[in-house]
Amino acid sequence: MDDPSIWLTIAGASLVGLAIITRATLAGWKGWLDLRRLEIEGHRAAALPPTSGSRIELADLKERVRKLEAIAAGVDL
């Protein structure tokens, strides 16, 4: 065990392993931060009053759903 190449190989493999673990941990941390950012933006969007454009869009979607339900029930429009 006095051969320096063995110690260099072990040190190099350890360094590579540490780099892989560090990179994976940082990627997970970034993903978690992105998730938290989306949650915060969702809470902000829910707190804001709806705009007239979103109301019109919602009314349009409700009308489409009503028409699709009528088609599914076999009612002629």
C-alpha atoms as a PDB file:
ATOM      1  CA  MET A   1       0.000   0.000   0.000  1.00  0.00           C
ATOM      2  CA  ASP A   2       2.974   2.307  -0.271  1.00  0.00           C
ATOM      3  CA  ASP A   3       2.566   2.756  -4.010  1.00  0.00           C
ATOM      4  CA  PRO A   4       1.712   6.439  -4.734  1.00  0.00           C
ATOM      5  CA  SER A   5      -0.332   5.557  -7.833  1.00  0.00           C
ATOM      6  CA  ILE A   6      -2.865   3.689  -5.684  1.00  0.00           C
ATOM      7  CA  TRP A   7      -3.265   6.715  -3.424  1.00  0.00           C
ATOM      8  CA  LEU A   8      -3.585   9.037  -6.417  1.00  0.00           C
ATOM      9  CA  THR A   9      -6.216   6.753  -7.968  1.00  0.00           C
ATOM     10  CA  ILE A  10      -8.205   6.628  -4.735  1.00  0.00           C
ATOM     11  CA  ALA A  11      -7.937  10.414  -4.317  1.00  0.00           C
ATOM     12  CA  GLY A  12      -8.996  11.002  -7.927  1.00  0.00           C
ATOM     13  CA  ALA A  13     -11.962   8.634  -7.673  1.00  0.00           C
ATOM     14  CA  SER A  14     -13.021  10.273  -4.410  1.00  0.00           C
ATOM     15  CA  LEU A  15     -12.822  13.699  -5.995  1.00  0.00           C
ATOM     16  CA  VAL A  16     -14.902  12.600  -8.980  1.00  0.00           C
ATOM     17  CA  GLY A  17     -17.476  11.024  -6.646  1.00  0.00           C
ATOM     18  CA  LEU A  18     -17.662  14.193  -4.589  1.00  0.00           C
ATOM     19  CA  ALA A  19     -18.134  16.272  -7.751  1.00  0.00           C
ATOM     20  CA  ILE A  20     -20.991  14.006  -8.916  1.00  0.00           C
ATOM     21  CA  ILE A  21     -22.734  14.174  -5.550  1.00  0.00           C
ATOM     22  CA  THR A  22     -22.295  17.951  -5.384  1.00  0.00           C
ATOM     23  CA  ARG A  23     -23.705  18.446  -8.877  1.00  0.00           C
ATOM     24  CA  ALA A  24     -26.728  16.248  -8.143  1.00  0.00           C
ATOM     25  CA  THR A  25     -27.368  18.073  -4.879  1.00  0.00           C
ATOM     26  CA  LEU A  26     -27.184  21.474  -6.554  1.00  0.00           C
ATOM     27  CA  ALA A  27     -29.555  20.335  -9.303  1.00  0.00           C
ATOM     28  CA  GLY A  28     -32.038  19.173  -6.663  1.00  0.00           C
ATOM     29  CA  TRP A  29     -31.689  22.448  -4.783  1.00  0.00           C
ATOM     30  CA  LYS A  30     -32.357  24.425  -7.965  1.00  0.00           C
ATOM     31  CA  GLY A  31     -35.436  22.320  -8.687  1.00  0.00           C
ATOM     32  CA  TRP A  32     -36.728  22.875  -5.172  1.00  0.00           C
ATOM     33  CA  LEU A  33     -36.211  26.640  -5.491  1.00  0.00           C
ATOM     34  CA  ASP A  34     -38.080  26.648  -8.824  1.00  0.00           C
ATOM     35  CA  LEU A  35     -40.955  24.765  -7.198  1.00  0.00           C
ATOM     36  CA  ARG A  36     -41.130  27.264  -4.334  1.00  0.00           C
ATOM     37  CA  ARG A  37     -41.002  30.155  -6.817  1.00  0.00           C
ATOM     38  CA  LEU A  38     -43.972  28.694  -8.707  1.00  0.00           C
ATOM     39  CA  GLU A  39     -45.917  28.242  -5.469  1.00  0.00           C
ATOM     40  CA  ILE A  40     -45.297  31.862  -4.462  1.00  0.00           C
ATOM     41  CA  GLU A  41     -46.335  33.134  -7.899  1.00  0.00           C
ATOM     42  CA  GLY A  42     -49.475  31.008  -7.682  1.00  0.00           C
ATOM     43  CA  HIS A  43     -50.404  32.569  -4.362  1.00  0.00           C
ATOM     44  CA  ARG A  44     -49.826  36.043  -5.778  1.00  0.00           C
ATOM     45  CA  ALA A  45     -51.969  35.297  -8.834  1.00  0.00           C
ATOM     46  CA  ALA A  46     -54.767  33.959  -6.622  1.00  0.00           C
ATOM     47  CA  ALA A  47     -54.664  37.110  -4.486  1.00  0.00           C
ATOM     48  CA  LEU A  48     -55.046  39.470  -7.460  1.00  0.00           C
ATOM     49  CA  PRO A  49     -58.561  40.322  -8.638  1.00  0.00           C
ATOM     50  CA  PRO A  50     -59.466  38.823 -12.010  1.00  0.00           C
ATOM     51  CA  THR A  51     -59.120  41.096 -15.015  1.00  0.00           C
ATOM     52  CA  SER A  52     -61.851  41.667 -17.583  1.00  0.00           C
ATOM     53  CA  GLY A  53     -59.924  39.577 -20.112  1.00  0.00           C
ATOM     54  CA  SER A  54     -59.792  36.599 -17.778  1.00  0.00           C
ATOM     55  CA  ARG A  55     -63.505  36.974 -17.012  1.00  0.00           C
ATOM     56  CA  ILE A  56     -64.334  36.913 -20.712  1.00  0.00           C
ATOM     57  CA  GLU A  57     -62.087  33.897 -21.190  1.00  0.00           C
ATOM     58  CA  LEU A  58     -63.735  32.105 -18.265  1.00  0.00           C
ATOM     59  CA  ALA A  59     -67.201  32.864 -19.626  1.00  0.00           C
ATOM     60  CA  ASP A  60     -66.131  31.514 -23.032  1.00  0.00           C
ATOM     61  CA  LEU A  61     -64.854  28.307 -21.459  1.00  0.00           C
ATOM     62  CA  LYS A  62     -68.079  27.876 -19.481  1.00  0.00           C
ATOM     63  CA  GLU A  63     -70.083  28.306 -22.680  1.00  0.00           C
ATOM     64  CA  ARG A  64     -67.965  25.680 -24.459  1.00  0.00           C
ATOM     65  CA  VAL A  65     -68.438  23.246 -21.582  1.00  0.00           C
ATOM     66  CA  ARG A  66     -72.209  23.858 -21.658  1.00  0.00           C
ATOM     67  CA  LYS A  67     -72.292  23.148 -25.395  1.00  0.00           C
ATOM     68  CA  LEU A  68     -70.210  19.985 -25.007  1.00  0.00           C
ATOM     69  CA  GLU A  69     -72.481  18.758 -22.219  1.00  0.00           C
ATOM     70  CA  ALA A  70     -75.493  19.386 -24.444  1.00  0.00           C
ATOM     71  CA  ILE A  71     -73.872  17.429 -27.278  1.00  0.00           C
ATOM     72  CA  ALA A  72     -73.053  14.574 -24.906  1.00  0.00           C
ATOM     73  CA  ALA A  73     -76.641  14.518 -23.672  1.00  0.00           C
ATOM     74  CA  GLY A  74     -77.882  14.377 -27.272  1.00  0.00           C
ATOM     75  CA  VAL A  75     -79.612  17.750 -27.231  1.00  0.00           C
ATOM     76  CA  ASP A  76     -79.634  19.682 -30.529  1.00  0.00           C
ATOM     77  CA  LEU A  77     -78.568  23.279 -30.176  1.00  0.00           C
END
